[in-house]
């Protein structure tokens, strides 16, 4: 999936945004969440600007940029984010609180973004199969909305952006099965129901 999507994860009761394509995290969100934790534990707020000017941070950024290019992207305008490379995000998290270490490392190594992108690609494939199968093309738009809602309900999610890896993987399977079944069945509703139930059964 080529479209950049903002994923959201929860940390200390706050949402941390991550870009699905680049994998860059919101330093803005991390600072907000980290400072919430620091205040509750009687620490001073984390100073992002001061941290960036530390000798060790500057040296680390320099090494990262040799391999990855720009590792910090500032968005313009009120309410915008500063986005940082995952490795720099880890370093920030550790500077804010060692308690973040396990949480952040698991984020970097998980496959959430992979399955988010796979699901986006498989959705396009499913939509294409449905479009070819449906006899009245004017009904396609409403039909795809109904099917998407069925999948959402079957996966038990309210917001795909906060869905976990397992759920996104399940959605990906549903898309694939519905695509395959539409190729051999003329009844799209039956193909959808069968594809959803087969994906659920396989995942259990």
Protein backbone atom coordinates (compact mmCIF):
# COMPACT_ATOMS: atom_id res chain seq x y z
CA UNK A 1 0.00 0.00 0.00
CA UNK A 2 1.58 3.29 -1.14
CA UNK A 3 -0.67 5.73 0.73
CA UNK A 4 0.88 7.07 3.93
CA UNK A 5 -1.36 6.30 6.88
CA UNK A 6 -0.91 7.54 10.42
CA UNK A 7 -1.01 4.64 12.85
CA UNK A 8 -1.65 5.26 16.54
CA UNK A 9 -0.49 3.33 19.58
CA UNK A 10 -1.12 4.02 23.24
CA UNK A 11 1.65 4.85 25.68
CA UNK A 12 0.97 6.01 29.24
CA UNK A 13 -2.59 6.89 28.27
CA UNK A 14 -1.53 9.01 25.29
CA UNK A 15 -1.54 8.25 21.57
CA UNK A 16 1.78 7.98 19.77
CA UNK A 17 1.55 8.46 16.00
CA UNK A 18 3.64 6.55 13.48
CA UNK A 19 3.76 6.87 9.70
CA UNK A 20 2.97 3.60 7.96
CA UNK A 21 5.36 4.04 5.02
CA UNK A 22 8.47 5.64 6.51
CA UNK A 23 7.99 4.15 9.99
CA UNK A 24 8.83 7.55 11.50
CA UNK A 25 7.37 8.26 14.94
CA UNK A 26 5.96 11.50 16.31
CA UNK A 27 8.49 13.01 18.70
CA UNK A 28 5.75 15.47 19.65
CA UNK A 29 3.50 12.68 20.91
CA UNK A 30 6.34 10.93 22.70
CA UNK A 31 7.35 14.08 24.56
CA UNK A 32 3.75 14.65 25.62
CA UNK A 33 3.37 11.09 26.90
CA UNK A 34 6.83 11.00 28.45
CA UNK A 35 6.39 14.24 30.32
CA UNK A 36 3.08 13.02 31.69
CA UNK A 37 4.95 10.06 33.17
CA UNK A 38 7.82 12.24 34.40
CA UNK A 39 5.49 14.64 36.22
CA UNK A 40 3.69 11.78 37.95
CA UNK A 41 7.06 10.51 39.11
CA UNK A 42 8.33 13.93 40.24
CA UNK A 43 10.82 14.44 37.42
CA UNK A 44 11.39 17.62 35.47
CA UNK A 45 9.95 17.79 31.96
CA UNK A 46 12.05 16.38 29.15
CA UNK A 47 13.62 19.22 27.13
CA UNK A 48 13.71 18.16 23.49
CA UNK A 49 15.78 21.11 22.27
CA UNK A 50 18.37 20.65 25.01
CA UNK A 51 18.54 16.92 24.33
CA UNK A 52 19.15 17.52 20.62
CA UNK A 53 22.13 19.75 21.40
CA UNK A 54 23.78 17.19 23.70
CA UNK A 55 27.11 16.01 22.31
CA UNK A 56 26.09 12.34 22.42
CA UNK A 57 22.79 13.05 20.67
CA UNK A 58 24.44 15.13 17.95
CA UNK A 59 26.99 12.38 17.33
CA UNK A 60 24.23 9.76 17.15
CA UNK A 61 22.16 11.87 14.74
CA UNK A 62 25.23 12.39 12.57
CA UNK A 63 25.82 8.64 12.32
CA UNK A 64 22.16 7.98 11.56
CA UNK A 65 22.12 10.59 8.81
CA UNK A 66 25.09 8.92 7.13
CA UNK A 67 22.96 5.80 6.69
CA UNK A 68 19.41 7.08 6.44
CA UNK A 69 19.56 10.73 5.40
CA UNK A 70 17.30 13.14 7.26
CA UNK A 71 16.19 11.52 10.52
CA UNK A 72 14.13 14.45 11.85
CA UNK A 73 11.31 16.10 9.92
CA UNK A 74 9.59 19.21 11.21
CA UNK A 75 6.02 19.78 10.04
CA UNK A 76 4.93 23.40 9.76
CA UNK A 77 1.87 24.96 11.34
CA UNK A 78 0.02 24.79 14.63
CA UNK A 79 -0.71 21.30 15.90
CA UNK A 80 1.82 19.66 13.57
CA UNK A 81 4.30 16.95 14.55
CA UNK A 82 8.04 16.55 14.54
CA UNK A 83 8.74 13.13 13.02
CA UNK A 84 11.86 11.14 13.86
CA UNK A 85 13.51 7.98 12.58
CA UNK A 86 12.69 4.88 14.72
CA UNK A 87 16.27 4.63 16.00
CA UNK A 88 16.23 8.24 17.13
CA UNK A 89 12.82 7.61 18.66
CA UNK A 90 14.29 4.80 20.77
CA UNK A 91 17.11 7.05 21.94
CA UNK A 92 14.59 9.73 22.90
CA UNK A 93 12.45 7.25 24.78
CA UNK A 94 15.39 6.02 26.80
CA UNK A 95 16.37 9.58 27.63
CA UNK A 96 12.86 10.29 28.87
CA UNK A 97 12.52 7.09 30.87
CA UNK A 98 14.30 3.72 30.99
CA UNK A 99 10.84 2.34 31.73
CA UNK A 100 9.95 2.97 28.09
CA UNK A 101 12.71 0.69 26.82
CA UNK A 102 10.80 -2.60 26.53
CA UNK A 103 7.68 -0.91 25.17
CA UNK A 104 9.52 1.01 22.48
CA UNK A 105 11.72 -1.89 21.36
CA UNK A 106 8.64 -4.04 20.90
CA UNK A 107 7.11 -1.33 18.71
CA UNK A 108 10.17 -1.13 16.52
CA UNK A 109 10.38 -4.87 15.98
CA UNK A 110 6.69 -5.74 15.61
CA UNK A 111 4.98 -6.28 12.27
CA UNK A 112 2.05 -3.92 12.78
CA UNK A 113 3.00 -1.65 9.90
CA UNK A 114 3.68 -4.60 7.62
CA UNK A 115 0.21 -5.98 8.10
CA UNK A 116 -1.36 -2.51 7.86
CA UNK A 117 0.22 -2.14 4.42
CA UNK A 118 -0.60 -5.72 3.37
CA UNK A 119 -4.22 -5.15 4.36
CA UNK A 120 -4.35 -2.02 2.25
CA UNK A 121 -3.07 -3.89 -0.79
CA UNK A 122 -5.38 -6.85 -0.24
CA UNK A 123 -8.34 -4.47 0.11
CA UNK A 124 -7.66 -3.10 -3.37
CA UNK A 125 -7.46 -6.65 -4.71
CA UNK A 126 -10.76 -7.56 -3.03
CA UNK A 127 -12.46 -4.40 -4.31
CA UNK A 128 -11.29 -5.20 -7.82
CA UNK A 129 -12.66 -8.75 -7.61
CA UNK A 130 -16.00 -7.47 -6.34
CA UNK A 131 -16.22 -4.84 -9.07
CA UNK A 132 -15.64 -7.45 -11.77
CA UNK A 133 -18.21 -9.81 -10.24
CA UNK A 134 -21.01 -7.34 -9.54
CA UNK A 135 -23.46 -7.11 -12.43
CA UNK A 136 -24.82 -3.64 -11.67
CA UNK A 137 -21.72 -1.44 -11.40
CA UNK A 138 -23.77 1.42 -9.92
CA UNK A 139 -24.25 -0.72 -6.79
CA UNK A 140 -20.51 -1.22 -6.29
CA UNK A 141 -19.94 1.77 -3.98
CA UNK A 142 -22.67 0.76 -1.52
CA UNK A 143 -21.72 -2.91 -1.74
CA UNK A 144 -18.08 -2.30 -0.85
CA UNK A 145 -19.14 -0.16 2.14
CA UNK A 146 -21.40 -2.95 3.42
CA UNK A 147 -18.64 -5.54 3.02
CA UNK A 148 -16.07 -3.32 4.73
CA UNK A 149 -18.47 -2.89 7.66
CA UNK A 150 -18.98 -6.67 7.85
CA UNK A 151 -15.23 -7.21 8.02
CA UNK A 152 -14.84 -4.52 10.66
CA UNK A 153 -17.59 -6.08 12.76
CA UNK A 154 -16.15 -9.57 12.36
CA UNK A 155 -12.72 -8.33 13.47
CA UNK A 156 -14.26 -6.56 16.45
CA UNK A 157 -12.63 -3.16 15.88
CA UNK A 158 -13.94 0.39 15.90
CA UNK A 159 -10.85 2.08 14.44
CA UNK A 160 -8.40 0.39 12.08
CA UNK A 161 -5.65 2.87 12.97
CA UNK A 162 -5.47 1.45 16.48
CA UNK A 163 -5.90 -2.22 15.49
CA UNK A 164 -3.18 -4.64 16.57
CA UNK A 165 -1.04 -6.86 14.38
CA UNK A 166 -3.18 -9.98 14.86
CA UNK A 167 -6.36 -8.15 13.83
CA UNK A 168 -4.78 -6.60 10.75
CA UNK A 169 -3.46 -10.00 9.73
CA UNK A 170 -6.98 -11.43 10.10
CA UNK A 171 -8.42 -8.63 7.96
CA UNK A 172 -5.80 -9.35 5.32
CA UNK A 173 -6.89 -13.01 5.20
CA UNK A 174 -10.54 -11.99 4.90
CA UNK A 175 -9.73 -9.74 1.96
CA UNK A 176 -7.80 -12.52 0.23
CA UNK A 177 -10.48 -15.18 0.76
CA UNK A 178 -13.26 -12.89 -0.44
CA UNK A 179 -11.19 -12.06 -3.54
CA UNK A 180 -10.65 -15.73 -4.32
CA UNK A 181 -14.28 -16.69 -3.71
CA UNK A 182 -15.57 -13.87 -5.89
CA UNK A 183 -13.65 -15.46 -8.75
CA UNK A 184 -15.66 -18.68 -8.44
CA UNK A 185 -18.98 -17.53 -6.97
CA UNK A 186 -21.52 -15.16 -8.48
CA UNK A 187 -23.16 -14.32 -5.15
CA UNK A 188 -20.97 -11.64 -3.58
CA UNK A 189 -22.75 -11.76 -0.21
CA UNK A 190 -22.16 -15.50 0.08
CA UNK A 191 -18.55 -15.08 -0.99
CA UNK A 192 -18.10 -12.41 1.67
CA UNK A 193 -19.67 -14.41 4.49
CA UNK A 194 -17.75 -17.55 3.55
CA UNK A 195 -14.48 -15.65 3.21
CA UNK A 196 -14.90 -14.03 6.61
CA UNK A 197 -15.81 -17.28 8.37
CA UNK A 198 -12.96 -19.18 6.71
CA UNK A 199 -10.41 -16.54 7.76
CA UNK A 200 -11.70 -16.59 11.34
CA UNK A 201 -11.64 -20.39 11.48
CA UNK A 202 -8.08 -20.50 10.15
CA UNK A 203 -6.91 -17.89 12.64
CA UNK A 204 -8.34 -19.71 15.68
